[in-house]
């Protein structure tokens, strides 16, 4: 049977209420706990995990229940002052100042990745093998650091690969995701979601991503509900780790 790879981005105490709402919604579907949480260790430098023990305990409970935990940057905030022209355009058009790993130097990227791993693994009590950059944006230094650190999987807007081995795990795979920052982005999200559930139907694996703020807009919630149920009619949820074993992807 074909597969669905589902993830919740921006998992931080700052969004705890929305995350609880989304998780409750998922438990009422066939997704259950078979999804991934992309965890930010210190969201915008104002929400360190260690300062929120109740949230950390919830993460551990979700992990024990089967939810896959993935490192999602460190601050989730782009504070780089030395972007080149192309990166500056990406940072402006593709995200609202949150492409944290787009313009970092090698030393900066290494420091944040290692600090993020130490924090998240300390919270969970087990190893974290995946990294996904905020806004799916990576600079060359960040890509090199992921390889050096031996991450088993990472993804961008179009594909999923293993930084450890360099092997491509999933290619030509656009993500079904949503944006709520403005009316034009909401409209484009609705159009893409409706089209994608049909256009991507032949693919063995479809990726779907949700952000906490998506649940702020009823129109997006309704479309997400429709799209998810349409996909689950012909797909079973899977983990990122399962892509490391081709036999697990049918």
C-alpha atoms as a PDB file:
ATOM      1  CA  UNK A   1       0.000   0.000   0.000  1.00  0.00           C
ATOM      2  CA  UNK A   2       1.131   3.554  -0.653  1.00  0.00           C
ATOM      3  CA  UNK A   3       2.477   5.660   2.221  1.00  0.00           C
ATOM      4  CA  UNK A   4       1.977   9.024   3.910  1.00  0.00           C
ATOM      5  CA  UNK A   5       4.872  10.754   5.671  1.00  0.00           C
ATOM      6  CA  UNK A   6       3.323  13.249   8.080  1.00  0.00           C
ATOM      7  CA  UNK A   7       5.124  15.820  10.236  1.00  0.00           C
ATOM      8  CA  UNK A   8       4.357  18.692  12.610  1.00  0.00           C
ATOM      9  CA  UNK A   9       6.854  21.547  12.409  1.00  0.00           C
ATOM     10  CA  UNK A  10       7.838  24.162  15.007  1.00  0.00           C
ATOM     11  CA  UNK A  11       7.310  21.965  18.059  1.00  0.00           C
ATOM     12  CA  UNK A  12       8.044  24.288  20.976  1.00  0.00           C
ATOM     13  CA  UNK A  13       6.465  25.206  24.321  1.00  0.00           C
ATOM     14  CA  UNK A  14       5.411  28.460  22.661  1.00  0.00           C
ATOM     15  CA  UNK A  15       2.866  26.489  20.611  1.00  0.00           C
ATOM     16  CA  UNK A  16       1.893  23.958  23.293  1.00  0.00           C
ATOM     17  CA  UNK A  17      -1.862  24.629  23.164  1.00  0.00           C
ATOM     18  CA  UNK A  18      -2.017  24.349  19.382  1.00  0.00           C
ATOM     19  CA  UNK A  19       0.171  21.221  19.406  1.00  0.00           C
ATOM     20  CA  UNK A  20      -2.174  19.543  21.875  1.00  0.00           C
ATOM     21  CA  UNK A  21      -5.089  20.415  19.602  1.00  0.00           C
ATOM     22  CA  UNK A  22      -3.351  19.024  16.518  1.00  0.00           C
ATOM     23  CA  UNK A  23      -2.276  15.855  18.301  1.00  0.00           C
ATOM     24  CA  UNK A  24      -5.834  15.282  19.546  1.00  0.00           C
ATOM     25  CA  UNK A  25      -7.063  15.714  15.981  1.00  0.00           C
ATOM     26  CA  UNK A  26      -4.532  13.163  14.685  1.00  0.00           C
ATOM     27  CA  UNK A  27      -5.515  10.598  17.314  1.00  0.00           C
ATOM     28  CA  UNK A  28      -8.990  10.599  15.780  1.00  0.00           C
ATOM     29  CA  UNK A  29      -7.559   9.562  12.397  1.00  0.00           C
ATOM     30  CA  UNK A  30      -5.534   6.615  11.148  1.00  0.00           C
ATOM     31  CA  UNK A  31      -2.361   8.650  11.705  1.00  0.00           C
ATOM     32  CA  UNK A  32      -2.520   8.130  15.457  1.00  0.00           C
ATOM     33  CA  UNK A  33       1.038   8.390  16.795  1.00  0.00           C
ATOM     34  CA  UNK A  34       2.619   7.426  13.479  1.00  0.00           C
ATOM     35  CA  UNK A  35       3.959  10.877  12.633  1.00  0.00           C
ATOM     36  CA  UNK A  36       6.997  13.081  13.269  1.00  0.00           C
ATOM     37  CA  UNK A  37       7.508  16.096  15.520  1.00  0.00           C
ATOM     38  CA  UNK A  38      10.126  18.638  14.452  1.00  0.00           C
ATOM     39  CA  UNK A  39      11.390  20.025  17.758  1.00  0.00           C
ATOM     40  CA  UNK A  40      13.030  23.440  18.241  1.00  0.00           C
ATOM     41  CA  UNK A  41      15.305  23.426  21.355  1.00  0.00           C
ATOM     42  CA  UNK A  42      15.054  27.173  22.035  1.00  0.00           C
ATOM     43  CA  UNK A  43      12.440  28.815  19.826  1.00  0.00           C
ATOM     44  CA  UNK A  44      13.523  32.365  18.913  1.00  0.00           C
ATOM     45  CA  UNK A  45      15.887  32.290  21.901  1.00  0.00           C
ATOM     46  CA  UNK A  46      12.921  32.768  24.220  1.00  0.00           C
ATOM     47  CA  UNK A  47      11.513  29.257  24.757  1.00  0.00           C
ATOM     48  CA  UNK A  48      14.257  26.863  25.936  1.00  0.00           C
ATOM     49  CA  UNK A  49      12.946  23.349  26.453  1.00  0.00           C
ATOM     50  CA  UNK A  50      14.635  22.950  29.819  1.00  0.00           C
ATOM     51  CA  UNK A  51      12.569  25.806  31.242  1.00  0.00           C
ATOM     52  CA  UNK A  52       9.316  23.976  30.457  1.00  0.00           C
ATOM     53  CA  UNK A  53       9.304  20.593  32.238  1.00  0.00           C
ATOM     54  CA  UNK A  54       5.617  19.903  31.539  1.00  0.00           C
ATOM     55  CA  UNK A  55       6.207  20.260  27.813  1.00  0.00           C
ATOM     56  CA  UNK A  56       9.325  18.067  27.985  1.00  0.00           C
ATOM     57  CA  UNK A  57       7.372  15.365  29.792  1.00  0.00           C
ATOM     58  CA  UNK A  58       4.726  15.538  27.057  1.00  0.00           C
ATOM     59  CA  UNK A  59       7.443  15.098  24.407  1.00  0.00           C
ATOM     60  CA  UNK A  60       8.749  12.025  26.209  1.00  0.00           C
ATOM     61  CA  UNK A  61       5.258  10.567  26.410  1.00  0.00           C
ATOM     62  CA  UNK A  62       4.680  11.167  22.711  1.00  0.00           C
ATOM     63  CA  UNK A  63       8.060   9.631  21.868  1.00  0.00           C
ATOM     64  CA  UNK A  64       7.291   6.573  23.999  1.00  0.00           C
ATOM     65  CA  UNK A  65       3.982   6.257  22.136  1.00  0.00           C
ATOM     66  CA  UNK A  66       5.783   6.098  18.789  1.00  0.00           C
ATOM     67  CA  UNK A  67       5.957   9.704  17.587  1.00  0.00           C
ATOM     68  CA  UNK A  68       9.252  10.271  15.750  1.00  0.00           C
ATOM     69  CA  UNK A  69      11.352  13.143  17.155  1.00  0.00           C
ATOM     70  CA  UNK A  70      13.485  15.205  14.769  1.00  0.00           C
ATOM     71  CA  UNK A  71      15.816  18.129  15.473  1.00  0.00           C
ATOM     72  CA  UNK A  72      14.471  21.293  13.826  1.00  0.00           C
ATOM     73  CA  UNK A  73      17.265  23.856  14.024  1.00  0.00           C
ATOM     74  CA  UNK A  74      18.067  25.463  17.346  1.00  0.00           C
ATOM     75  CA  UNK A  75      16.481  28.941  17.473  1.00  0.00           C
ATOM     76  CA  UNK A  76      14.331  28.713  14.297  1.00  0.00           C
ATOM     77  CA  UNK A  77      15.293  32.332  13.708  1.00  0.00           C
ATOM     78  CA  UNK A  78      17.479  33.702  10.925  1.00  0.00           C
ATOM     79  CA  UNK A  79      19.916  36.105  12.570  1.00  0.00           C
ATOM     80  CA  UNK A  80      22.543  35.900   9.827  1.00  0.00           C
ATOM     81  CA  UNK A  81      23.877  39.270   8.672  1.00  0.00           C
ATOM     82  CA  UNK A  82      25.952  38.059   5.713  1.00  0.00           C
ATOM     83  CA  UNK A  83      23.591  36.384   3.234  1.00  0.00           C
ATOM     84  CA  UNK A  84      24.566  36.417  -0.426  1.00  0.00           C
ATOM     85  CA  UNK A  85      22.020  37.759  -2.936  1.00  0.00           C
ATOM     86  CA  UNK A  86      20.377  34.387  -3.630  1.00  0.00           C
ATOM     87  CA  UNK A  87      20.117  33.463   0.042  1.00  0.00           C
ATOM     88  CA  UNK A  88      18.748  36.907   0.845  1.00  0.00           C
ATOM     89  CA  UNK A  89      16.003  36.353  -1.727  1.00  0.00           C
ATOM     90  CA  UNK A  90      15.193  32.900  -0.325  1.00  0.00           C
ATOM     91  CA  UNK A  91      15.098  34.250   3.215  1.00  0.00           C
ATOM     92  CA  UNK A  92      12.687  36.989   2.141  1.00  0.00           C
ATOM     93  CA  UNK A  93      10.360  35.021  -0.143  1.00  0.00           C
ATOM     94  CA  UNK A  94      10.282  31.527   1.356  1.00  0.00           C
ATOM     95  CA  UNK A  95      10.026  32.278   5.065  1.00  0.00           C
ATOM     96  CA  UNK A  96       9.285  35.052   7.555  1.00  0.00           C
ATOM     97  CA  UNK A  97      12.823  35.459   8.877  1.00  0.00           C
ATOM     98  CA  UNK A  98      13.087  31.847  10.048  1.00  0.00           C
ATOM     99  CA  UNK A  99      15.610  30.262   7.646  1.00  0.00           C
ATOM    100  CA  UNK A 100      18.061  29.779  10.503  1.00  0.00           C
ATOM    101  CA  UNK A 101      20.508  27.423   8.766  1.00  0.00           C
ATOM    102  CA  UNK A 102      20.650  29.206   5.415  1.00  0.00           C
ATOM    103  CA  UNK A 103      23.600  31.552   5.997  1.00  0.00           C
ATOM    104  CA  UNK A 104      25.490  30.159   8.988  1.00  0.00           C
ATOM    105  CA  UNK A 105      29.246  29.610   8.931  1.00  0.00           C
ATOM    106  CA  UNK A 106      30.626  26.127   9.528  1.00  0.00           C
ATOM    107  CA  UNK A 107      31.461  26.901  13.157  1.00  0.00           C
ATOM    108  CA  UNK A 108      28.038  28.454  13.796  1.00  0.00           C
ATOM    109  CA  UNK A 109      26.192  25.540  12.208  1.00  0.00           C
ATOM    110  CA  UNK A 110      28.278  23.008  14.143  1.00  0.00           C
ATOM    111  CA  UNK A 111      27.708  24.795  17.439  1.00  0.00           C
ATOM    112  CA  UNK A 112      23.929  24.971  16.976  1.00  0.00           C
ATOM    113  CA  UNK A 113      23.553  21.401  15.752  1.00  0.00           C
ATOM    114  CA  UNK A 114      25.588  19.996  18.624  1.00  0.00           C
ATOM    115  CA  UNK A 115      23.786  22.157  21.174  1.00  0.00           C
ATOM    116  CA  UNK A 116      20.444  21.136  19.707  1.00  0.00           C
ATOM    117  CA  UNK A 117      21.295  17.452  19.857  1.00  0.00           C
ATOM    118  CA  UNK A 118      22.509  17.717  23.431  1.00  0.00           C
ATOM    119  CA  UNK A 119      19.313  19.474  24.469  1.00  0.00           C
ATOM    120  CA  UNK A 120      16.797  17.281  22.649  1.00  0.00           C
ATOM    121  CA  UNK A 121      18.502  13.987  23.405  1.00  0.00           C
ATOM    122  CA  UNK A 122      18.743  15.045  27.041  1.00  0.00           C
ATOM    123  CA  UNK A 123      15.001  15.671  27.111  1.00  0.00           C
ATOM    124  CA  UNK A 124      14.072  12.426  25.354  1.00  0.00           C
ATOM    125  CA  UNK A 125      16.688  10.132  26.837  1.00  0.00           C
ATOM    126  CA  UNK A 126      17.559   8.600  23.476  1.00  0.00           C
ATOM    127  CA  UNK A 127      19.438   9.351  20.253  1.00  0.00           C
ATOM    128  CA  UNK A 128      18.014  11.667  17.597  1.00  0.00           C
ATOM    129  CA  UNK A 129      18.940  10.612  14.065  1.00  0.00           C
ATOM    130  CA  UNK A 130      17.181  13.177  11.874  1.00  0.00           C
ATOM    131  CA  UNK A 131      17.554  16.904  11.191  1.00  0.00           C
ATOM    132  CA  UNK A 132      15.250  19.165   9.191  1.00  0.00           C
ATOM    133  CA  UNK A 133      16.199  22.823   8.867  1.00  0.00           C
ATOM    134  CA  UNK A 134      13.633  25.547   9.595  1.00  0.00           C
ATOM    135  CA  UNK A 135      11.773  26.496   6.399  1.00  0.00           C
ATOM    136  CA  UNK A 136      13.598  23.571   4.705  1.00  0.00           C
ATOM    137  CA  UNK A 137      16.488  25.953   3.916  1.00  0.00           C
ATOM    138  CA  UNK A 138      20.141  24.878   4.120  1.00  0.00           C
ATOM    139  CA  UNK A 139      23.391  26.674   3.409  1.00  0.00           C
ATOM    140  CA  UNK A 140      26.456  24.781   2.200  1.00  0.00           C
ATOM    141  CA  UNK A 141      28.016  24.884   5.666  1.00  0.00           C
ATOM    142  CA  UNK A 142      24.888  23.398   7.220  1.00  0.00           C
ATOM    143  CA  UNK A 143      24.843  20.527   4.718  1.00  0.00           C
ATOM    144  CA  UNK A 144      28.482  19.735   5.469  1.00  0.00           C
ATOM    145  CA  UNK A 145      27.831  19.750   9.212  1.00  0.00           C
ATOM    146  CA  UNK A 146      24.922  17.319   8.860  1.00  0.00           C
ATOM    147  CA  UNK A 147      27.236  14.943   7.012  1.00  0.00           C
ATOM    148  CA  UNK A 148      29.978  15.323   9.615  1.00  0.00           C
ATOM    149  CA  UNK A 149      27.518  14.685  12.442  1.00  0.00           C
ATOM    150  CA  UNK A 150      26.266  11.532  10.713  1.00  0.00           C
ATOM    151  CA  UNK A 151      22.554  12.317  10.582  1.00  0.00           C
ATOM    152  CA  UNK A 152      20.612   9.437   9.072  1.00  0.00           C
ATOM    153  CA  UNK A 153      18.050  11.576   7.280  1.00  0.00           C
ATOM    154  CA  UNK A 154      17.197  15.166   6.344  1.00  0.00           C
ATOM    155  CA  UNK A 155      14.794  16.798   3.890  1.00  0.00           C
ATOM    156  CA  UNK A 156      14.164  19.970   1.921  1.00  0.00           C
ATOM    157  CA  UNK A 157      11.206  21.161  -0.153  1.00  0.00           C
ATOM    158  CA  UNK A 158      11.762  18.533  -2.843  1.00  0.00           C
ATOM    159  CA  UNK A 159      13.609  15.519  -1.526  1.00  0.00           C
ATOM    160  CA  UNK A 160      14.780  13.471   1.434  1.00  0.00           C
ATOM    161  CA  UNK A 161      18.321  12.143   1.766  1.00  0.00           C
ATOM    162  CA  UNK A 162      20.820  10.638   4.205  1.00  0.00           C
ATOM    163  CA  UNK A 163      23.572  13.149   5.127  1.00  0.00           C
ATOM    164  CA  UNK A 164      25.497  10.216   6.610  1.00  0.00           C
ATOM    165  CA  UNK A 165      25.760   8.216   3.387  1.00  0.00           C
ATOM    166  CA  UNK A 166      24.785  10.773   0.755  1.00  0.00           C
ATOM    167  CA  UNK A 167      22.066   8.398  -0.458  1.00  0.00           C
ATOM    168  CA  UNK A 168      18.861   9.878  -1.849  1.00  0.00           C
ATOM    169  CA  UNK A 169      15.909   8.405   0.037  1.00  0.00           C
ATOM    170  CA  UNK A 170      13.033  10.187  -1.681  1.00  0.00           C
ATOM    171  CA  UNK A 171      13.221  12.414  -4.767  1.00  0.00           C
ATOM    172  CA  UNK A 172      10.865  14.666  -6.726  1.00  0.00           C
ATOM    173  CA  UNK A 173       8.616  14.821  -3.685  1.00  0.00           C
ATOM    174  CA  UNK A 174       6.996  18.233  -3.122  1.00  0.00           C
ATOM    175  CA  UNK A 175       5.452  18.701   0.311  1.00  0.00           C
ATOM    176  CA  UNK A 176       1.775  19.370   0.885  1.00  0.00           C
ATOM    177  CA  UNK A 177       1.984  22.226   3.379  1.00  0.00           C
ATOM    178  CA  UNK A 178       0.087  25.357   4.325  1.00  0.00           C
ATOM    179  CA  UNK A 179       0.807  29.013   5.069  1.00  0.00           C
ATOM    180  CA  UNK A 180      -1.338  31.344   7.148  1.00  0.00           C
ATOM    181  CA  UNK A 181       0.628  34.620   7.254  1.00  0.00           C
ATOM    182  CA  UNK A 182      -1.482  36.458   4.675  1.00  0.00           C
ATOM    183  CA  UNK A 183      -4.599  36.084   2.566  1.00  0.00           C
ATOM    184  CA  UNK A 184      -2.633  35.407  -0.668  1.00  0.00           C
ATOM    185  CA  UNK A 185      -0.646  32.667   1.084  1.00  0.00           C
ATOM    186  CA  UNK A 186      -3.804  31.127   2.498  1.00  0.00           C
ATOM    187  CA  UNK A 187      -5.412  31.101  -0.951  1.00  0.00           C
ATOM    188  CA  UNK A 188      -2.341  29.580  -2.593  1.00  0.00           C
ATOM    189  CA  UNK A 189      -2.207  26.946   0.175  1.00  0.00           C
ATOM    190  CA  UNK A 190      -5.811  25.972  -0.457  1.00  0.00           C
ATOM    191  CA  UNK A 191      -5.246  25.707  -4.205  1.00  0.00           C
ATOM    192  CA  UNK A 192      -2.046  23.666  -3.811  1.00  0.00           C
ATOM    193  CA  UNK A 193      -3.610  21.308  -1.266  1.00  0.00           C
ATOM    194  CA  UNK A 194      -6.599  20.553  -3.500  1.00  0.00           C
ATOM    195  CA  UNK A 195      -4.403  20.043  -6.563  1.00  0.00           C
ATOM    196  CA  UNK A 196      -1.715  18.045  -4.764  1.00  0.00           C
ATOM    197  CA  UNK A 197      -4.035  15.377  -3.413  1.00  0.00           C
ATOM    198  CA  UNK A 198      -4.809  14.526  -7.039  1.00  0.00           C
ATOM    199  CA  UNK A 199      -1.546  15.334  -8.837  1.00  0.00           C
ATOM    200  CA  UNK A 200       0.643  13.462  -6.365  1.00  0.00           C
ATOM    201  CA  UNK A 201      -1.640  10.424  -6.152  1.00  0.00           C
ATOM    202  CA  UNK A 202       0.644   8.189  -8.302  1.00  0.00           C
ATOM    203  CA  UNK A 203       3.578   8.637  -5.913  1.00  0.00           C
ATOM    204  CA  UNK A 204       4.480   5.803  -3.545  1.00  0.00           C
ATOM    205  CA  UNK A 205       5.165   8.269  -0.695  1.00  0.00           C
ATOM    206  CA  UNK A 206       3.499  11.651  -0.176  1.00  0.00           C
ATOM    207  CA  UNK A 207       4.849  14.118   2.384  1.00  0.00           C
ATOM    208  CA  UNK A 208       2.469  16.308   4.359  1.00  0.00           C
ATOM    209  CA  UNK A 209       3.528  18.984   6.871  1.00  0.00           C
ATOM    210  CA  UNK A 210       1.566  21.062   9.333  1.00  0.00           C
ATOM    211  CA  UNK A 211       2.590  24.136  11.338  1.00  0.00           C
ATOM    212  CA  UNK A 212       0.882  25.168  14.593  1.00  0.00           C
ATOM    213  CA  UNK A 213      -0.333  28.461  13.123  1.00  0.00           C
ATOM    214  CA  UNK A 214      -2.173  26.548  10.388  1.00  0.00           C
ATOM    215  CA  UNK A 215      -4.742  25.699  13.033  1.00  0.00           C
ATOM    216  CA  UNK A 216      -5.387  29.411  13.610  1.00  0.00           C
ATOM    217  CA  UNK A 217      -7.411  29.577  10.396  1.00  0.00           C
ATOM    218  CA  UNK A 218     -10.617  27.567  10.160  1.00  0.00           C
ATOM    219  CA  UNK A 219     -10.486  27.504   6.372  1.00  0.00           C
ATOM    220  CA  UNK A 220      -7.051  25.844   6.503  1.00  0.00           C
ATOM    221  CA  UNK A 221      -8.190  23.360   9.160  1.00  0.00           C
ATOM    222  CA  UNK A 222     -11.121  22.353   6.975  1.00  0.00           C
ATOM    223  CA  UNK A 223      -8.936  21.866   3.920  1.00  0.00           C
ATOM    224  CA  UNK A 224      -6.291  19.982   5.910  1.00  0.00           C
ATOM    225  CA  UNK A 225      -9.025  17.691   7.256  1.00  0.00           C
ATOM    226  CA  UNK A 226     -10.297  17.035   3.739  1.00  0.00           C
ATOM    227  CA  UNK A 227      -6.843  16.431   2.266  1.00  0.00           C
ATOM    228  CA  UNK A 228      -5.666  14.169   5.082  1.00  0.00           C
ATOM    229  CA  UNK A 229      -8.772  11.979   4.941  1.00  0.00           C
ATOM    230  CA  UNK A 230      -8.522  11.770   1.158  1.00  0.00           C
ATOM    231  CA  UNK A 231      -4.914  10.590   1.411  1.00  0.00           C
ATOM    232  CA  UNK A 232      -5.600   8.114   4.199  1.00  0.00           C
ATOM    233  CA  UNK A 233      -8.178   6.297   2.058  1.00  0.00           C
ATOM    234  CA  UNK A 234      -5.337   4.838  -0.003  1.00  0.00           C
ATOM    235  CA  UNK A 235      -2.263   5.286   2.216  1.00  0.00           C
ATOM    236  CA  UNK A 236      -0.846   4.190   5.530  1.00  0.00           C
ATOM    237  CA  UNK A 237       1.280   6.519   7.691  1.00  0.00           C
ATOM    238  CA  UNK A 238       4.987   5.789   7.967  1.00  0.00           C
ATOM    239  CA  UNK A 239       8.070   7.153   9.726  1.00  0.00           C
ATOM    240  CA  UNK A 240      11.091   8.915   8.258  1.00  0.00           C
ATOM    241  CA  UNK A 241      13.320   6.189   9.686  1.00  0.00           C
ATOM    242  CA  UNK A 242      11.443   3.605   7.612  1.00  0.00           C
ATOM    243  CA  UNK A 243      12.801   5.214   4.444  1.00  0.00           C
ATOM    244  CA  UNK A 244      16.265   4.046   5.474  1.00  0.00           C
ATOM    245  CA  UNK A 245      15.052   0.541   4.658  1.00  0.00           C
ATOM    246  CA  UNK A 246      13.671   0.418   1.087  1.00  0.00           C
ATOM    247  CA  UNK A 247      11.806  -2.796   1.915  1.00  0.00           C
ATOM    248  CA  UNK A 248       9.557  -0.779   4.241  1.00  0.00           C
ATOM    249  CA  UNK A 249       8.309   1.460   1.445  1.00  0.00           C
ATOM    250  CA  UNK A 250       5.783  -0.220  -0.823  1.00  0.00           C
END
